[in-house]
Amino acid sequence: MGYINRHIIFAAFTVLLSTTACNEEPTKSEAIEIGLLFNTWYDSYEEKTDSTDIFRPEGYKELPASWFRRTIAFNDDGTCRWLVLDPADRHYFENGTWKFNGAERLIFIYNDKGEEVHILKILELNRELLRVLMIKYSYN
């Protein structure tokens, strides 16, 4: 009897594991609500982890003074702008466009020449947090 019960439990566990672990498509709760991205986002590097970067939206909280804080603004018309790090401390905003690949959760950012300058993978997005993996980021 114990032998049969162990096999039944093992079979049930295998079926359960295969139906949850192999699901690579995001569920509705995992889908990105892209409208939440339309804001100006400030690098909250104080909250950074080894593998991810944290951005906070404009007005979220007062961030400490910083020599340079990455800033990216996304507009709903596909335009964007980001703060460029200038070696002479004359930081300025660069204008460009952005596209979102929902299946991969990737944001591609292009300068005004159409060159890809940034790629960000969204790991989490809500009204107070944009957590990303920087695939590519150019400071100029």
N, C-alpha and C. Protein backbone atom coordinates (compact mmCIF):
# COMPACT_ATOMS: atom_id res chain seq x y z
N MET A 1 0.82 -1.20 0.00
CA MET A 1 0.00 0.00 0.00
C MET A 1 0.86 1.26 0.00
N GLY A 2 1.94 1.29 0.77
CA GLY A 2 2.81 2.46 0.82
C GLY A 2 3.46 2.72 -0.53
N TYR A 3 3.81 1.66 -1.24
CA TYR A 3 4.44 1.79 -2.55
C TYR A 3 3.50 2.49 -3.53
N ILE A 4 2.24 2.14 -3.55
CA ILE A 4 1.26 2.74 -4.45
C ILE A 4 1.01 4.20 -4.06
N ASN A 5 0.89 4.49 -2.78
CA ASN A 5 0.67 5.88 -2.34
C ASN A 5 1.82 6.79 -2.74
N ARG A 6 3.03 6.31 -2.60
CA ARG A 6 4.19 7.11 -3.00
C ARG A 6 4.16 7.42 -4.49
N HIS A 7 3.77 6.45 -5.31
CA HIS A 7 3.70 6.67 -6.75
C HIS A 7 2.57 7.63 -7.12
N ILE A 8 1.47 7.53 -6.43
CA ILE A 8 0.35 8.47 -6.68
C ILE A 8 0.77 9.89 -6.30
N ILE A 9 1.41 10.04 -5.16
CA ILE A 9 1.87 11.37 -4.72
C ILE A 9 2.91 11.90 -5.70
N PHE A 10 3.85 11.05 -6.11
CA PHE A 10 4.87 11.48 -7.07
C PHE A 10 4.23 11.90 -8.39
N ALA A 11 3.26 11.15 -8.89
CA ALA A 11 2.59 11.49 -10.15
C ALA A 11 1.84 12.81 -10.03
N ALA A 12 1.16 13.00 -8.91
CA ALA A 12 0.42 14.25 -8.70
C ALA A 12 1.38 15.43 -8.62
N PHE A 13 2.48 15.27 -7.93
CA PHE A 13 3.48 16.33 -7.82
C PHE A 13 4.08 16.66 -9.19
N THR A 14 4.35 15.65 -9.99
CA THR A 14 4.92 15.85 -11.33
C THR A 14 3.96 16.63 -12.21
N VAL A 15 2.68 16.29 -12.17
CA VAL A 15 1.67 17.01 -12.97
C VAL A 15 1.57 18.46 -12.50
N LEU A 16 1.53 18.67 -11.21
CA LEU A 16 1.45 20.02 -10.66
C LEU A 16 2.66 20.85 -11.06
N LEU A 17 3.84 20.29 -10.93
CA LEU A 17 5.07 20.99 -11.28
C LEU A 17 5.12 21.32 -12.76
N SER A 18 4.71 20.41 -13.61
CA SER A 18 4.78 20.66 -15.05
C SER A 18 3.78 21.72 -15.50
N THR A 19 2.66 21.85 -14.83
CA THR A 19 1.68 22.86 -15.24
C THR A 19 2.04 24.25 -14.73
N THR A 20 2.85 24.35 -13.68
CA THR A 20 3.22 25.68 -13.18
C THR A 20 4.59 26.11 -13.67
N ALA A 21 5.56 25.23 -13.70
CA ALA A 21 6.93 25.61 -14.04
C ALA A 21 7.13 25.88 -15.52
N CYS A 22 6.35 25.28 -16.38
CA CYS A 22 6.55 25.43 -17.81
C CYS A 22 5.76 26.59 -18.40
N ASN A 23 5.01 27.28 -17.61
CA ASN A 23 4.21 28.40 -18.10
C ASN A 23 5.11 29.62 -18.24
N GLU A 24 5.57 29.92 -19.47
CA GLU A 24 6.46 31.05 -19.71
C GLU A 24 5.71 32.30 -20.09
N GLU A 25 4.45 32.18 -20.50
CA GLU A 25 3.65 33.35 -20.85
C GLU A 25 3.24 34.08 -19.58
N PRO A 26 3.37 35.43 -19.58
CA PRO A 26 2.94 36.15 -18.39
C PRO A 26 1.43 36.02 -18.20
N THR A 27 1.02 35.88 -16.96
CA THR A 27 -0.40 35.87 -16.68
C THR A 27 -0.89 37.31 -16.68
N LYS A 28 -2.20 37.51 -16.59
CA LYS A 28 -2.73 38.87 -16.59
C LYS A 28 -2.17 39.67 -15.44
N SER A 29 -1.94 39.04 -14.29
CA SER A 29 -1.38 39.77 -13.16
C SER A 29 0.08 40.13 -13.39
N GLU A 30 0.77 39.40 -14.28
CA GLU A 30 2.18 39.68 -14.57
C GLU A 30 2.34 40.61 -15.76
N ALA A 31 1.28 40.84 -16.53
CA ALA A 31 1.37 41.70 -17.71
C ALA A 31 1.69 43.13 -17.27
N ILE A 32 2.44 43.82 -18.10
CA ILE A 32 2.83 45.19 -17.81
C ILE A 32 1.68 46.13 -18.18
N GLU A 33 1.30 46.98 -17.25
CA GLU A 33 0.31 48.02 -17.51
C GLU A 33 1.10 49.24 -17.98
N ILE A 34 1.30 49.33 -19.28
CA ILE A 34 2.24 50.29 -19.86
C ILE A 34 1.86 51.74 -19.57
N GLY A 35 0.61 52.02 -19.33
CA GLY A 35 0.19 53.39 -19.00
C GLY A 35 0.85 53.91 -17.74
N LEU A 36 1.27 53.03 -16.85
CA LEU A 36 1.96 53.45 -15.63
C LEU A 36 3.36 54.00 -15.93
N LEU A 37 3.88 53.69 -17.10
CA LEU A 37 5.22 54.14 -17.47
C LEU A 37 5.27 55.62 -17.83
N PHE A 38 4.13 56.19 -18.25
CA PHE A 38 4.09 57.57 -18.75
C PHE A 38 4.30 58.53 -17.59
N ASN A 39 5.57 58.85 -17.34
CA ASN A 39 5.95 59.68 -16.21
C ASN A 39 7.43 60.03 -16.37
N THR A 40 7.93 60.84 -15.47
CA THR A 40 9.37 61.09 -15.38
C THR A 40 9.88 60.25 -14.23
N TRP A 41 10.89 59.43 -14.50
CA TRP A 41 11.43 58.47 -13.53
C TRP A 41 12.85 58.86 -13.15
N TYR A 42 13.13 58.84 -11.85
CA TYR A 42 14.43 59.22 -11.31
C TYR A 42 15.11 57.99 -10.70
N ASP A 43 16.37 57.83 -11.02
CA ASP A 43 17.17 56.73 -10.49
C ASP A 43 17.27 56.86 -8.98
N SER A 44 16.77 55.87 -8.28
CA SER A 44 16.89 55.82 -6.83
C SER A 44 18.01 54.83 -6.51
N TYR A 45 19.23 55.23 -6.86
CA TYR A 45 20.36 54.30 -6.75
C TYR A 45 20.64 53.90 -5.31
N GLU A 46 20.08 54.64 -4.37
CA GLU A 46 20.21 54.26 -2.96
C GLU A 46 19.50 52.92 -2.69
N GLU A 47 18.54 52.58 -3.53
CA GLU A 47 17.79 51.32 -3.38
C GLU A 47 18.28 50.23 -4.33
N LYS A 48 19.28 50.52 -5.11
CA LYS A 48 19.78 49.58 -6.11
C LYS A 48 20.26 48.28 -5.48
N THR A 49 20.04 47.20 -6.20
CA THR A 49 20.60 45.91 -5.81
C THR A 49 21.69 45.56 -6.81
N ASP A 50 22.35 44.44 -6.60
CA ASP A 50 23.42 44.02 -7.51
C ASP A 50 22.94 43.86 -8.94
N SER A 51 21.72 43.39 -9.12
CA SER A 51 21.28 43.05 -10.47
C SER A 51 20.20 43.95 -11.03
N THR A 52 19.57 44.78 -10.23
CA THR A 52 18.48 45.59 -10.74
C THR A 52 18.63 47.05 -10.34
N ASP A 53 18.01 47.90 -11.13
CA ASP A 53 18.00 49.33 -10.86
C ASP A 53 16.58 49.75 -10.50
N ILE A 54 16.49 50.68 -9.58
CA ILE A 54 15.20 51.17 -9.09
C ILE A 54 15.03 52.62 -9.54
N PHE A 55 13.89 52.92 -10.14
CA PHE A 55 13.53 54.28 -10.50
C PHE A 55 12.24 54.62 -9.76
N ARG A 56 12.14 55.86 -9.34
CA ARG A 56 10.94 56.35 -8.66
C ARG A 56 10.32 57.48 -9.49
N PRO A 57 8.99 57.58 -9.50
CA PRO A 57 8.35 58.59 -10.33
C PRO A 57 8.47 60.00 -9.73
N GLU A 58 8.33 60.97 -10.60
CA GLU A 58 8.34 62.36 -10.16
C GLU A 58 7.30 62.56 -9.07
N GLY A 59 7.71 63.19 -7.99
CA GLY A 59 6.80 63.46 -6.89
C GLY A 59 6.64 62.34 -5.89
N TYR A 60 7.32 61.21 -6.10
CA TYR A 60 7.19 60.08 -5.17
C TYR A 60 7.72 60.44 -3.79
N LYS A 61 8.92 60.91 -3.73
CA LYS A 61 9.53 61.34 -2.47
C LYS A 61 10.74 62.19 -2.80
N GLU A 62 11.22 62.91 -1.84
CA GLU A 62 12.43 63.71 -2.01
C GLU A 62 13.63 62.79 -2.00
N LEU A 63 14.36 62.77 -3.10
CA LEU A 63 15.57 61.97 -3.17
C LEU A 63 16.75 62.84 -2.72
N PRO A 64 17.75 62.24 -2.10
CA PRO A 64 18.92 63.02 -1.66
C PRO A 64 19.60 63.74 -2.82
N ALA A 65 20.25 64.84 -2.52
CA ALA A 65 21.00 65.57 -3.54
C ALA A 65 22.04 64.64 -4.17
N SER A 66 22.29 64.85 -5.46
CA SER A 66 23.20 63.97 -6.18
C SER A 66 23.89 64.76 -7.28
N TRP A 67 25.15 64.43 -7.54
CA TRP A 67 25.88 65.05 -8.63
C TRP A 67 25.21 64.72 -9.97
N PHE A 68 24.78 63.48 -10.13
CA PHE A 68 24.07 63.05 -11.33
C PHE A 68 23.11 61.95 -10.94
N ARG A 69 21.87 62.07 -11.39
CA ARG A 69 20.86 61.05 -11.15
C ARG A 69 20.19 60.76 -12.49
N ARG A 70 20.34 59.52 -12.96
CA ARG A 70 19.70 59.16 -14.23
C ARG A 70 18.21 59.51 -14.16
N THR A 71 17.73 60.11 -15.23
CA THR A 71 16.34 60.53 -15.32
C THR A 71 15.84 60.19 -16.71
N ILE A 72 14.68 59.55 -16.76
CA ILE A 72 14.07 59.19 -18.04
C ILE A 72 12.59 59.57 -17.97
N ALA A 73 12.11 60.28 -19.00
CA ALA A 73 10.70 60.64 -19.09
C ALA A 73 10.09 59.95 -20.30
N PHE A 74 9.02 59.18 -20.08
CA PHE A 74 8.32 58.48 -21.15
C PHE A 74 6.98 59.16 -21.41
N ASN A 75 6.70 59.46 -22.66
CA ASN A 75 5.42 60.06 -23.05
C ASN A 75 4.58 59.03 -23.79
N ASP A 76 3.27 59.20 -23.72
CA ASP A 76 2.36 58.24 -24.34
C ASP A 76 2.37 58.29 -25.86
N ASP A 77 3.00 59.31 -26.46
CA ASP A 77 3.07 59.41 -27.93
C ASP A 77 4.32 58.74 -28.50
N GLY A 78 5.09 58.03 -27.66
CA GLY A 78 6.29 57.34 -28.12
C GLY A 78 7.55 58.17 -28.07
N THR A 79 7.44 59.40 -27.57
CA THR A 79 8.63 60.22 -27.40
C THR A 79 9.13 60.08 -25.97
N CYS A 80 10.38 60.42 -25.79
CA CYS A 80 10.97 60.36 -24.45
C CYS A 80 12.14 61.32 -24.39
N ARG A 81 12.68 61.48 -23.21
CA ARG A 81 13.90 62.25 -23.02
C ARG A 81 14.62 61.69 -21.81
N TRP A 82 15.93 61.83 -21.80
CA TRP A 82 16.73 61.31 -20.70
C TRP A 82 17.86 62.29 -20.43
N LEU A 83 18.30 62.28 -19.19
CA LEU A 83 19.38 63.16 -18.77
C LEU A 83 20.71 62.56 -19.20
N VAL A 84 21.53 63.39 -19.85
CA VAL A 84 22.84 62.96 -20.34
C VAL A 84 23.91 63.45 -19.37
N LEU A 85 24.82 62.57 -19.03
CA LEU A 85 25.93 62.89 -18.15
C LEU A 85 27.00 63.64 -18.94
N ASP A 86 27.23 64.88 -18.59
CA ASP A 86 28.23 65.70 -19.26
C ASP A 86 29.49 65.77 -18.39
N PRO A 87 30.66 65.54 -18.96
CA PRO A 87 31.89 65.55 -18.16
C PRO A 87 32.18 66.89 -17.51
N ALA A 88 31.62 67.97 -18.05
CA ALA A 88 31.86 69.30 -17.47
C ALA A 88 30.71 69.71 -16.54
N ASP A 89 29.93 68.75 -16.07
CA ASP A 89 28.81 69.00 -15.16
C ASP A 89 27.70 69.86 -15.77
N ARG A 90 27.64 69.89 -17.09
CA ARG A 90 26.54 70.61 -17.75
C ARG A 90 25.57 69.57 -18.29
N HIS A 91 24.96 68.82 -17.42
CA HIS A 91 24.04 67.76 -17.83
C HIS A 91 22.89 68.38 -18.61
N TYR A 92 22.38 67.64 -19.57
CA TYR A 92 21.30 68.15 -20.41
C TYR A 92 20.40 66.99 -20.82
N PHE A 93 19.20 67.33 -21.28
CA PHE A 93 18.27 66.31 -21.73
C PHE A 93 18.42 66.07 -23.22
N GLU A 94 18.40 64.80 -23.58
CA GLU A 94 18.41 64.36 -24.96
C GLU A 94 17.01 63.87 -25.29
N ASN A 95 16.52 64.21 -26.48
CA ASN A 95 15.19 63.77 -26.91
C ASN A 95 15.31 62.55 -27.80
N GLY A 96 14.31 61.70 -27.74
CA GLY A 96 14.30 60.51 -28.58
C GLY A 96 12.93 59.87 -28.61
N THR A 97 12.92 58.61 -28.99
CA THR A 97 11.68 57.84 -29.04
C THR A 97 11.89 56.52 -28.32
N TRP A 98 10.78 55.87 -27.99
CA TRP A 98 10.86 54.58 -27.32
C TRP A 98 9.81 53.64 -27.88
N LYS A 99 10.12 52.34 -27.79
CA LYS A 99 9.19 51.28 -28.19
C LYS A 99 9.20 50.23 -27.09
N PHE A 100 8.06 49.57 -26.93
CA PHE A 100 7.92 48.55 -25.90
C PHE A 100 7.61 47.21 -26.53
N ASN A 101 8.38 46.20 -26.17
CA ASN A 101 8.12 44.83 -26.58
C ASN A 101 7.50 44.14 -25.38
N GLY A 102 6.17 44.01 -25.38
CA GLY A 102 5.45 43.46 -24.24
C GLY A 102 5.78 42.01 -23.94
N ALA A 103 6.01 41.22 -24.97
CA ALA A 103 6.30 39.80 -24.76
C ALA A 103 7.60 39.62 -23.99
N GLU A 104 8.59 40.46 -24.27
CA GLU A 104 9.90 40.36 -23.62
C GLU A 104 10.05 41.35 -22.47
N ARG A 105 9.08 42.27 -22.33
CA ARG A 105 9.11 43.33 -21.30
C ARG A 105 10.31 44.26 -21.50
N LEU A 106 10.65 44.51 -22.75
CA LEU A 106 11.81 45.34 -23.07
C LEU A 106 11.38 46.71 -23.57
N ILE A 107 12.10 47.74 -23.11
CA ILE A 107 11.93 49.09 -23.61
C ILE A 107 13.18 49.41 -24.42
N PHE A 108 12.98 49.79 -25.68
CA PHE A 108 14.07 50.21 -26.55
C PHE A 108 13.99 51.72 -26.71
N ILE A 109 15.09 52.41 -26.43
CA ILE A 109 15.12 53.87 -26.52
C ILE A 109 16.11 54.27 -27.61
N TYR A 110 15.65 55.17 -28.49
CA TYR A 110 16.42 55.60 -29.64
C TYR A 110 16.66 57.11 -29.58
N ASN A 111 17.85 57.55 -30.00
CA ASN A 111 18.12 58.98 -30.06
C ASN A 111 17.47 59.57 -31.31
N ASP A 112 17.64 60.87 -31.52
CA ASP A 112 16.98 61.52 -32.65
C ASP A 112 17.54 61.10 -34.00
N LYS A 113 18.66 60.38 -34.02
CA LYS A 113 19.22 59.82 -35.26
C LYS A 113 18.70 58.41 -35.52
N GLY A 114 17.88 57.89 -34.61
CA GLY A 114 17.34 56.54 -34.76
C GLY A 114 18.26 55.45 -34.24
N GLU A 115 19.32 55.84 -33.55
CA GLU A 115 20.26 54.86 -32.99
C GLU A 115 19.77 54.38 -31.63
N GLU A 116 19.85 53.08 -31.41
CA GLU A 116 19.46 52.51 -30.13
C GLU A 116 20.49 52.89 -29.07
N VAL A 117 20.04 53.58 -28.02
CA VAL A 117 20.97 54.01 -26.98
C VAL A 117 20.75 53.32 -25.64
N HIS A 118 19.53 52.87 -25.38
CA HIS A 118 19.23 52.20 -24.12
C HIS A 118 18.29 51.02 -24.37
N ILE A 119 18.48 49.98 -23.57
CA ILE A 119 17.53 48.86 -23.53
C ILE A 119 17.31 48.54 -22.06
N LEU A 120 16.06 48.57 -21.64
CA LEU A 120 15.71 48.27 -20.26
C LEU A 120 14.71 47.12 -20.23
N LYS A 121 14.90 46.19 -19.35
CA LYS A 121 13.93 45.10 -19.16
C LYS A 121 13.14 45.41 -17.89
N ILE A 122 11.84 45.55 -18.04
CA ILE A 122 10.99 45.84 -16.89
C ILE A 122 10.80 44.57 -16.06
N LEU A 123 11.18 44.65 -14.80
CA LEU A 123 10.97 43.54 -13.87
C LEU A 123 9.73 43.79 -13.02
N GLU A 124 9.46 45.07 -12.76
CA GLU A 124 8.29 45.43 -11.95
C GLU A 124 7.93 46.87 -12.28
N LEU A 125 6.63 47.13 -12.40
CA LEU A 125 6.15 48.48 -12.68
C LEU A 125 4.84 48.70 -11.95
N ASN A 126 4.82 49.74 -11.13
CA ASN A 126 3.58 50.19 -10.52
C ASN A 126 3.66 51.70 -10.36
N ARG A 127 2.70 52.30 -9.71
CA ARG A 127 2.66 53.77 -9.61
C ARG A 127 3.86 54.36 -8.87
N GLU A 128 4.50 53.58 -8.03
CA GLU A 128 5.58 54.10 -7.19
C GLU A 128 6.94 53.49 -7.50
N LEU A 129 7.02 52.58 -8.48
CA LEU A 129 8.27 51.86 -8.68
C LEU A 129 8.41 51.40 -10.13
N LEU A 130 9.59 51.61 -10.67
CA LEU A 130 10.01 51.02 -11.93
C LEU A 130 11.31 50.29 -11.63
N ARG A 131 11.24 48.97 -11.59
CA ARG A 131 12.43 48.15 -11.32
C ARG A 131 12.84 47.51 -12.63
N VAL A 132 14.09 47.77 -13.04
CA VAL A 132 14.55 47.32 -14.35
C VAL A 132 15.90 46.64 -14.27
N LEU A 133 16.17 45.88 -15.29
CA LEU A 133 17.49 45.34 -15.55
C LEU A 133 18.02 46.13 -16.74
N MET A 134 19.15 46.80 -16.56
CA MET A 134 19.73 47.60 -17.64
C MET A 134 20.49 46.67 -18.58
N ILE A 135 19.91 46.41 -19.73
CA ILE A 135 20.56 45.58 -20.73
C ILE A 135 21.63 46.42 -21.45
N LYS A 136 21.26 47.66 -21.75
CA LYS A 136 22.20 48.60 -22.40
C LYS A 136 21.85 49.99 -21.91
N TYR A 137 22.84 50.74 -21.50
CA TYR A 137 22.61 52.14 -21.08
C TYR A 137 23.83 52.96 -21.42
N SER A 138 23.62 53.98 -22.25
CA SER A 138 24.69 54.88 -22.64
C SER A 138 24.50 56.20 -21.91
N TYR A 139 25.54 56.68 -21.26
CA TYR A 139 25.43 57.92 -20.49
C TYR A 139 25.54 59.16 -21.37
N ASN A 140 25.84 59.01 -22.65
CA ASN A 140 25.91 60.19 -23.51
C ASN A 140 25.25 59.93 -24.84
